[in-house]
Amino acid sequence: MTQKELEKYLWGAATALRGKIDAGDYKQYIFPLLFLKRICDVYDEEFENALSKSDNDVEYASFAENHHFQVPPESHWNKIRE
């Protein structure tokens, strides 16, 4: 079996498992993930800014007043990705 034949076989198997899905339907899954990722990135940027303003005071950097969004540690993108 050649590499090309293997790829064609695996692609066919994946298509059979997921069924026929319109590419536009993927946005229902992708957009919320992108939104979550962006919220976590903004939270991290704001946390770093607050850390630098407070001489690395982690408690101060965690205050809700320093953030547009609250991201619980267990819901952060990095934790979910693990």
PDB file of N, CA and C in Angstrom:
ATOM      1  N   MET A   1       0.857  -1.170   0.000  1.00  0.00           N
ATOM      2  CA  MET A   1       0.000   0.000   0.000  1.00  0.00           C
ATOM      3  C   MET A   1       0.907   1.238   0.000  1.00  0.00           C
ATOM      4  N   THR A   2       0.603   2.159  -0.875  1.00  0.00           N
ATOM      5  CA  THR A   2       1.390   3.386  -0.959  1.00  0.00           C
ATOM      6  C   THR A   2       0.874   4.413   0.050  1.00  0.00           C
ATOM      7  N   GLN A   3       1.666   5.449   0.254  1.00  0.00           N
ATOM      8  CA  GLN A   3       1.273   6.536   1.156  1.00  0.00           C
ATOM      9  C   GLN A   3      -0.029   7.171   0.695  1.00  0.00           C
ATOM     10  N   LYS A   4      -0.143   7.397  -0.594  1.00  0.00           N
ATOM     11  CA  LYS A   4      -1.341   8.021  -1.164  1.00  0.00           C
ATOM     12  C   LYS A   4      -2.579   7.149  -0.923  1.00  0.00           C
ATOM     13  N   GLU A   5      -2.438   5.837  -1.136  1.00  0.00           N
ATOM     14  CA  GLU A   5      -3.555   4.916  -0.917  1.00  0.00           C
ATOM     15  C   GLU A   5      -3.954   4.891   0.556  1.00  0.00           C
ATOM     16  N   LEU A   6      -2.957   4.921   1.446  1.00  0.00           N
ATOM     17  CA  LEU A   6      -3.243   4.923   2.878  1.00  0.00           C
ATOM     18  C   LEU A   6      -4.002   6.196   3.275  1.00  0.00           C
ATOM     19  N   GLU A   7      -3.549   7.343   2.768  1.00  0.00           N
ATOM     20  CA  GLU A   7      -4.229   8.597   3.072  1.00  0.00           C
ATOM     21  C   GLU A   7      -5.670   8.579   2.570  1.00  0.00           C
ATOM     22  N   LYS A   8      -5.885   8.067   1.388  1.00  0.00           N
ATOM     23  CA  LYS A   8      -7.237   7.987   0.825  1.00  0.00           C
ATOM     24  C   LYS A   8      -8.113   7.063   1.671  1.00  0.00           C
ATOM     25  N   TYR A   9      -7.557   5.948   2.100  1.00  0.00           N
ATOM     26  CA  TYR A   9      -8.298   4.985   2.921  1.00  0.00           C
ATOM     27  C   TYR A   9      -8.660   5.608   4.272  1.00  0.00           C
ATOM     28  N   LEU A  10      -7.694   6.277   4.917  1.00  0.00           N
ATOM     29  CA  LEU A  10      -7.949   6.885   6.223  1.00  0.00           C
ATOM     30  C   LEU A  10      -8.948   8.039   6.119  1.00  0.00           C
ATOM     31  N   TRP A  11      -8.832   8.835   5.049  1.00  0.00           N
ATOM     32  CA  TRP A  11      -9.791   9.919   4.842  1.00  0.00           C
ATOM     33  C   TRP A  11     -11.201   9.360   4.670  1.00  0.00           C
ATOM     34  N   GLY A  12     -11.321   8.286   3.923  1.00  0.00           N
ATOM     35  CA  GLY A  12     -12.620   7.648   3.733  1.00  0.00           C
ATOM     36  C   GLY A  12     -13.182   7.122   5.037  1.00  0.00           C
ATOM     37  N   ALA A  13     -12.314   6.532   5.870  1.00  0.00           N
ATOM     38  CA  ALA A  13     -12.757   6.023   7.173  1.00  0.00           C
ATOM     39  C   ALA A  13     -13.225   7.174   8.065  1.00  0.00           C
ATOM     40  N   ALA A  14     -12.482   8.271   8.070  1.00  0.00           N
ATOM     41  CA  ALA A  14     -12.871   9.425   8.883  1.00  0.00           C
ATOM     42  C   ALA A  14     -14.206   9.995   8.411  1.00  0.00           C
ATOM     43  N   THR A  15     -14.409  10.063   7.109  1.00  0.00           N
ATOM     44  CA  THR A  15     -15.669  10.560   6.552  1.00  0.00           C
ATOM     45  C   THR A  15     -16.828   9.651   6.946  1.00  0.00           C
ATOM     46  N   ALA A  16     -16.595   8.347   6.919  1.00  0.00           N
ATOM     47  CA  ALA A  16     -17.648   7.396   7.296  1.00  0.00           C
ATOM     48  C   ALA A  16     -18.008   7.546   8.769  1.00  0.00           C
ATOM     49  N   LEU A  17     -17.030   7.802   9.618  1.00  0.00           N
ATOM     50  CA  LEU A  17     -17.280   7.929  11.055  1.00  0.00           C
ATOM     51  C   LEU A  17     -18.009   9.227  11.405  1.00  0.00           C
ATOM     52  N   ARG A  18     -17.622  10.333  10.782  1.00  0.00           N
ATOM     53  CA  ARG A  18     -18.235  11.607  11.142  1.00  0.00           C
ATOM     54  C   ARG A  18     -19.509  11.883  10.371  1.00  0.00           C
ATOM     55  N   GLY A  19     -19.729  11.182   9.276  1.00  0.00           N
ATOM     56  CA  GLY A  19     -20.915  11.412   8.470  1.00  0.00           C
ATOM     57  C   GLY A  19     -20.737  12.628   7.587  1.00  0.00           C
ATOM     58  N   LYS A  20     -21.740  12.932   6.848  1.00  0.00           N
ATOM     59  CA  LYS A  20     -21.701  14.080   5.945  1.00  0.00           C
ATOM     60  C   LYS A  20     -22.061  15.339   6.728  1.00  0.00           C
ATOM     61  N   ILE A  21     -21.099  16.212   6.900  1.00  0.00           N
ATOM     62  CA  ILE A  21     -21.309  17.466   7.619  1.00  0.00           C
ATOM     63  C   ILE A  21     -20.899  18.601   6.697  1.00  0.00           C
ATOM     64  N   ASP A  22     -21.772  19.576   6.587  1.00  0.00           N
ATOM     65  CA  ASP A  22     -21.461  20.756   5.789  1.00  0.00           C
ATOM     66  C   ASP A  22     -20.358  21.539   6.491  1.00  0.00           C
ATOM     67  N   ALA A  23     -19.419  22.066   5.735  1.00  0.00           N
ATOM     68  CA  ALA A  23     -18.297  22.802   6.306  1.00  0.00           C
ATOM     69  C   ALA A  23     -18.776  23.989   7.145  1.00  0.00           C
ATOM     70  N   GLY A  24     -19.889  24.586   6.776  1.00  0.00           N
ATOM     71  CA  GLY A  24     -20.428  25.706   7.536  1.00  0.00           C
ATOM     72  C   GLY A  24     -20.869  25.318   8.938  1.00  0.00           C
ATOM     73  N   ASP A  25     -21.203  24.055   9.134  1.00  0.00           N
ATOM     74  CA  ASP A  25     -21.631  23.595  10.456  1.00  0.00           C
ATOM     75  C   ASP A  25     -20.489  23.573  11.459  1.00  0.00           C
ATOM     76  N   TYR A  26     -19.266  23.531  10.982  1.00  0.00           N
ATOM     77  CA  TYR A  26     -18.128  23.507  11.894  1.00  0.00           C
ATOM     78  C   TYR A  26     -18.007  24.802  12.683  1.00  0.00           C
ATOM     79  N   LYS A  27     -18.564  25.889  12.156  1.00  0.00           N
ATOM     80  CA  LYS A  27     -18.468  27.173  12.852  1.00  0.00           C
ATOM     81  C   LYS A  27     -19.153  27.114  14.219  1.00  0.00           C
ATOM     82  N   GLN A  28     -20.135  26.228  14.362  1.00  0.00           N
ATOM     83  CA  GLN A  28     -20.801  26.088  15.652  1.00  0.00           C
ATOM     84  C   GLN A  28     -19.848  25.564  16.720  1.00  0.00           C
ATOM     85  N   TYR A  29     -18.797  24.903  16.321  1.00  0.00           N
ATOM     86  CA  TYR A  29     -17.806  24.366  17.250  1.00  0.00           C
ATOM     87  C   TYR A  29     -16.573  25.260  17.327  1.00  0.00           C
ATOM     88  N   ILE A  30     -16.169  25.818  16.211  1.00  0.00           N
ATOM     89  CA  ILE A  30     -14.927  26.578  16.133  1.00  0.00           C
ATOM     90  C   ILE A  30     -15.067  27.962  16.765  1.00  0.00           C
ATOM     91  N   PHE A  31     -16.133  28.694  16.473  1.00  0.00           N
ATOM     92  CA  PHE A  31     -16.271  30.052  16.996  1.00  0.00           C
ATOM     93  C   PHE A  31     -16.263  30.107  18.528  1.00  0.00           C
ATOM     94  N   PRO A  32     -16.994  29.250  19.226  1.00  0.00           N
ATOM     95  CA  PRO A  32     -16.904  29.294  20.692  1.00  0.00           C
ATOM     96  C   PRO A  32     -15.494  28.985  21.202  1.00  0.00           C
ATOM     97  N   LEU A  33     -14.798  28.081  20.543  1.00  0.00           N
ATOM     98  CA  LEU A  33     -13.427  27.793  20.962  1.00  0.00           C
ATOM     99  C   LEU A  33     -12.510  28.990  20.743  1.00  0.00           C
ATOM    100  N   LEU A  34     -12.675  29.655  19.600  1.00  0.00           N
ATOM    101  CA  LEU A  34     -11.873  30.848  19.338  1.00  0.00           C
ATOM    102  C   LEU A  34     -12.188  31.955  20.346  1.00  0.00           C
ATOM    103  N   PHE A  35     -13.454  32.096  20.688  1.00  0.00           N
ATOM    104  CA  PHE A  35     -13.862  33.103  21.664  1.00  0.00           C
ATOM    105  C   PHE A  35     -13.256  32.798  23.031  1.00  0.00           C
ATOM    106  N   LEU A  36     -13.323  31.555  23.462  1.00  0.00           N
ATOM    107  CA  LEU A  36     -12.724  31.156  24.737  1.00  0.00           C
ATOM    108  C   LEU A  36     -11.219  31.416  24.735  1.00  0.00           C
ATOM    109  N   LYS A  37     -10.558  31.064  23.642  1.00  0.00           N
ATOM    110  CA  LYS A  37      -9.108  31.276  23.538  1.00  0.00           C
ATOM    111  C   LYS A  37      -8.792  32.756  23.655  1.00  0.00           C
ATOM    112  N   ARG A  38      -9.551  33.606  22.974  1.00  0.00           N
ATOM    113  CA  ARG A  38      -9.301  35.047  23.024  1.00  0.00           C
ATOM    114  C   ARG A  38      -9.539  35.615  24.421  1.00  0.00           C
ATOM    115  N   ILE A  39     -10.606  35.161  25.086  1.00  0.00           N
ATOM    116  CA  ILE A  39     -10.874  35.611  26.454  1.00  0.00           C
ATOM    117  C   ILE A  39      -9.700  35.257  27.363  1.00  0.00           C
ATOM    118  N   CYS A  40      -9.178  34.057  27.228  1.00  0.00           N
ATOM    119  CA  CYS A  40      -8.054  33.623  28.056  1.00  0.00           C
ATOM    120  C   CYS A  40      -6.790  34.415  27.734  1.00  0.00           C
ATOM    121  N   ASP A  41      -6.573  34.718  26.469  1.00  0.00           N
ATOM    122  CA  ASP A  41      -5.417  35.533  26.080  1.00  0.00           C
ATOM    123  C   ASP A  41      -5.517  36.940  26.673  1.00  0.00           C
ATOM    124  N   VAL A  42      -6.701  37.537  26.613  1.00  0.00           N
ATOM    125  CA  VAL A  42      -6.908  38.869  27.187  1.00  0.00           C
ATOM    126  C   VAL A  42      -6.691  38.818  28.692  1.00  0.00           C
ATOM    127  N   TYR A  43      -7.218  37.803  29.336  1.00  0.00           N
ATOM    128  CA  TYR A  43      -7.035  37.649  30.784  1.00  0.00           C
ATOM    129  C   TYR A  43      -5.545  37.567  31.123  1.00  0.00           C
ATOM    130  N   ASP A  44      -4.797  36.774  30.371  1.00  0.00           N
ATOM    131  CA  ASP A  44      -3.361  36.639  30.613  1.00  0.00           C
ATOM    132  C   ASP A  44      -2.624  37.962  30.408  1.00  0.00           C
ATOM    133  N   GLU A  45      -2.989  38.712  29.371  1.00  0.00           N
ATOM    134  CA  GLU A  45      -2.370  40.021  29.115  1.00  0.00           C
ATOM    135  C   GLU A  45      -2.662  40.984  30.268  1.00  0.00           C
ATOM    136  N   GLU A  46      -3.899  41.008  30.706  1.00  0.00           N
ATOM    137  CA  GLU A  46      -4.267  41.893  31.810  1.00  0.00           C
ATOM    138  C   GLU A  46      -3.579  41.473  33.106  1.00  0.00           C
ATOM    139  N   PHE A  47      -3.441  40.181  33.305  1.00  0.00           N
ATOM    140  CA  PHE A  47      -2.760  39.671  34.495  1.00  0.00           C
ATOM    141  C   PHE A  47      -1.296  40.108  34.489  1.00  0.00           C
ATOM    142  N   GLU A  48      -0.639  39.976  33.345  1.00  0.00           N
ATOM    143  CA  GLU A  48       0.757  40.390  33.224  1.00  0.00           C
ATOM    144  C   GLU A  48       0.910  41.890  33.435  1.00  0.00           C
ATOM    145  N   ASN A  49      -0.002  42.685  32.890  1.00  0.00           N
ATOM    146  CA  ASN A  49       0.042  44.139  33.093  1.00  0.00           C
ATOM    147  C   ASN A  49      -0.113  44.491  34.563  1.00  0.00           C
ATOM    148  N   ALA A  50      -1.065  43.838  35.234  1.00  0.00           N
ATOM    149  CA  ALA A  50      -1.278  44.097  36.658  1.00  0.00           C
ATOM    150  C   ALA A  50      -0.071  43.647  37.474  1.00  0.00           C
ATOM    151  N   LEU A  51       0.546  42.553  37.085  1.00  0.00           N
ATOM    152  CA  LEU A  51       1.753  42.096  37.780  1.00  0.00           C
ATOM    153  C   LEU A  51       2.865  43.127  37.671  1.00  0.00           C
ATOM    154  N   SER A  52       3.057  43.642  36.485  1.00  0.00           N
ATOM    155  CA  SER A  52       4.132  44.619  36.288  1.00  0.00           C
ATOM    156  C   SER A  52       3.856  45.920  37.040  1.00  0.00           C
ATOM    157  N   LYS A  53       2.601  46.320  37.144  1.00  0.00           N
ATOM    158  CA  LYS A  53       2.252  47.550  37.871  1.00  0.00           C
ATOM    159  C   LYS A  53       2.405  47.382  39.378  1.00  0.00           C
ATOM    160  N   SER A  54       2.293  46.148  39.863  1.00  0.00           N
ATOM    161  CA  SER A  54       2.262  45.912  41.309  1.00  0.00           C
ATOM    162  C   SER A  54       3.539  45.267  41.835  1.00  0.00           C
ATOM    163  N   ASP A  55       4.595  45.302  41.075  1.00  0.00           N
ATOM    164  CA  ASP A  55       5.856  44.661  41.494  1.00  0.00           C
ATOM    165  C   ASP A  55       5.656  43.171  41.797  1.00  0.00           C
ATOM    166  N   ASN A  56       4.978  42.493  40.889  1.00  0.00           N
ATOM    167  CA  ASN A  56       4.760  41.043  40.937  1.00  0.00           C
ATOM    168  C   ASN A  56       3.901  40.577  42.111  1.00  0.00           C
ATOM    169  N   ASP A  57       2.903  41.358  42.461  1.00  0.00           N
ATOM    170  CA  ASP A  57       1.946  40.960  43.497  1.00  0.00           C
ATOM    171  C   ASP A  57       0.840  40.138  42.827  1.00  0.00           C
ATOM    172  N   VAL A  58       0.892  38.818  42.986  1.00  0.00           N
ATOM    173  CA  VAL A  58      -0.041  37.903  42.326  1.00  0.00           C
ATOM    174  C   VAL A  58      -1.468  38.122  42.814  1.00  0.00           C
ATOM    175  N   GLU A  59      -1.620  38.376  44.113  1.00  0.00           N
ATOM    176  CA  GLU A  59      -2.963  38.598  44.655  1.00  0.00           C
ATOM    177  C   GLU A  59      -3.607  39.827  44.010  1.00  0.00           C
ATOM    178  N   TYR A  60      -2.847  40.905  43.898  1.00  0.00           N
ATOM    179  CA  TYR A  60      -3.359  42.114  43.253  1.00  0.00           C
ATOM    180  C   TYR A  60      -3.701  41.843  41.786  1.00  0.00           C
ATOM    181  N   ALA A  61      -2.831  41.135  41.079  1.00  0.00           N
ATOM    182  CA  ALA A  61      -3.047  40.848  39.655  1.00  0.00           C
ATOM    183  C   ALA A  61      -4.284  39.989  39.433  1.00  0.00           C
ATOM    184  N   SER A  62      -4.713  39.258  40.448  1.00  0.00           N
ATOM    185  CA  SER A  62      -5.886  38.376  40.335  1.00  0.00           C
ATOM    186  C   SER A  62      -7.202  39.090  40.603  1.00  0.00           C
ATOM    187  N   PHE A  63      -7.158  40.300  41.155  1.00  0.00           N
ATOM    188  CA  PHE A  63      -8.390  41.032  41.468  1.00  0.00           C
ATOM    189  C   PHE A  63      -9.242  41.217  40.215  1.00  0.00           C
ATOM    190  N   ALA A  64     -10.541  41.073  40.388  1.00  0.00           N
ATOM    191  CA  ALA A  64     -11.491  41.205  39.270  1.00  0.00           C
ATOM    192  C   ALA A  64     -11.431  42.593  38.635  1.00  0.00           C
ATOM    193  N   GLU A  65     -11.072  43.601  39.410  1.00  0.00           N
ATOM    194  CA  GLU A  65     -11.011  44.968  38.899  1.00  0.00           C
ATOM    195  C   GLU A  65      -9.957  45.135  37.796  1.00  0.00           C
ATOM    196  N   ASN A  66      -9.014  44.216  37.732  1.00  0.00           N
ATOM    197  CA  ASN A  66      -7.934  44.285  36.746  1.00  0.00           C
ATOM    198  C   ASN A  66      -8.273  43.575  35.436  1.00  0.00           C
ATOM    199  N   HIS A  67      -9.480  43.016  35.343  1.00  0.00           N
ATOM    200  CA  HIS A  67      -9.810  42.176  34.191  1.00  0.00           C
ATOM    201  C   HIS A  67     -11.176  42.520  33.606  1.00  0.00           C
ATOM    202  N   HIS A  68     -11.279  42.388  32.289  1.00  0.00           N
ATOM    203  CA  HIS A  68     -12.579  42.521  31.623  1.00  0.00           C
ATOM    204  C   HIS A  68     -13.403  41.250  31.787  1.00  0.00           C
ATOM    205  N   PHE A  69     -12.729  40.106  31.862  1.00  0.00           N
ATOM    206  CA  PHE A  69     -13.385  38.804  31.993  1.00  0.00           C
ATOM    207  C   PHE A  69     -12.767  38.067  33.172  1.00  0.00           C
ATOM    208  N   GLN A  70     -13.573  37.256  33.837  1.00  0.00           N
ATOM    209  CA  GLN A  70     -13.058  36.383  34.884  1.00  0.00           C
ATOM    210  C   GLN A  70     -12.940  34.976  34.315  1.00  0.00           C
ATOM    211  N   VAL A  71     -11.763  34.394  34.432  1.00  0.00           N
ATOM    212  CA  VAL A  71     -11.518  33.042  33.929  1.00  0.00           C
ATOM    213  C   VAL A  71     -11.044  32.185  35.091  1.00  0.00           C
ATOM    214  N   PRO A  72     -11.905  31.289  35.586  1.00  0.00           N
ATOM    215  CA  PRO A  72     -11.468  30.400  36.663  1.00  0.00           C
ATOM    216  C   PRO A  72     -10.294  29.542  36.195  1.00  0.00           C
ATOM    217  N   PRO A  73      -9.360  29.240  37.081  1.00  0.00           N
ATOM    218  CA  PRO A  73      -8.174  28.466  36.676  1.00  0.00           C
ATOM    219  C   PRO A  73      -8.519  27.144  35.984  1.00  0.00           C
ATOM    220  N   GLU A  74      -9.560  26.480  36.430  1.00  0.00           N
ATOM    221  CA  GLU A  74      -9.918  25.188  35.838  1.00  0.00           C
ATOM    222  C   GLU A  74     -10.585  25.344  34.471  1.00  0.00           C
ATOM    223  N   SER A  75     -10.957  26.576  34.114  1.00  0.00           N
ATOM    224  CA  SER A  75     -11.604  26.829  32.829  1.00  0.00           C
ATOM    225  C   SER A  75     -10.689  27.546  31.841  1.00  0.00           C
ATOM    226  N   HIS A  76      -9.453  27.775  32.242  1.00  0.00           N
ATOM    227  CA  HIS A  76      -8.507  28.485  31.366  1.00  0.00           C
ATOM    228  C   HIS A  76      -8.155  27.589  30.175  1.00  0.00           C
ATOM    229  N   TRP A  77      -7.911  28.228  29.042  1.00  0.00           N
ATOM    230  CA  TRP A  77      -7.579  27.506  27.802  1.00  0.00           C
ATOM    231  C   TRP A  77      -6.447  26.504  28.025  1.00  0.00           C
ATOM    232  N   ASN A  78      -5.399  26.920  28.725  1.00  0.00           N
ATOM    233  CA  ASN A  78      -4.252  26.030  28.937  1.00  0.00           C
ATOM    234  C   ASN A  78      -4.650  24.772  29.709  1.00  0.00           C
ATOM    235  N   LYS A  79      -5.527  24.917  30.681  1.00  0.00           N
ATOM    236  CA  LYS A  79      -5.987  23.760  31.470  1.00  0.00           C
ATOM    237  C   LYS A  79      -6.861  22.847  30.610  1.00  0.00           C
ATOM    238  N   ILE A  80      -7.755  23.440  29.835  1.00  0.00           N
ATOM    239  CA  ILE A  80      -8.628  22.635  28.965  1.00  0.00           C
ATOM    240  C   ILE A  80      -7.806  21.903  27.924  1.00  0.00           C
ATOM    241  N   ARG A  81      -6.807  22.574  27.384  1.00  0.00           N
ATOM    242  CA  ARG A  81      -5.956  21.985  26.362  1.00  0.00           C
ATOM    243  C   ARG A  81      -5.186  20.770  26.868  1.00  0.00           C
ATOM    244  N   GLU A  82      -4.835  20.796  28.180  1.00  0.00           N
ATOM    245  CA  GLU A  82      -4.134  19.648  28.769  1.00  0.00           C
ATOM    246  C   GLU A  82      -5.004  18.413  28.727  1.00  0.00           C
TER     247      GLU A  82
END
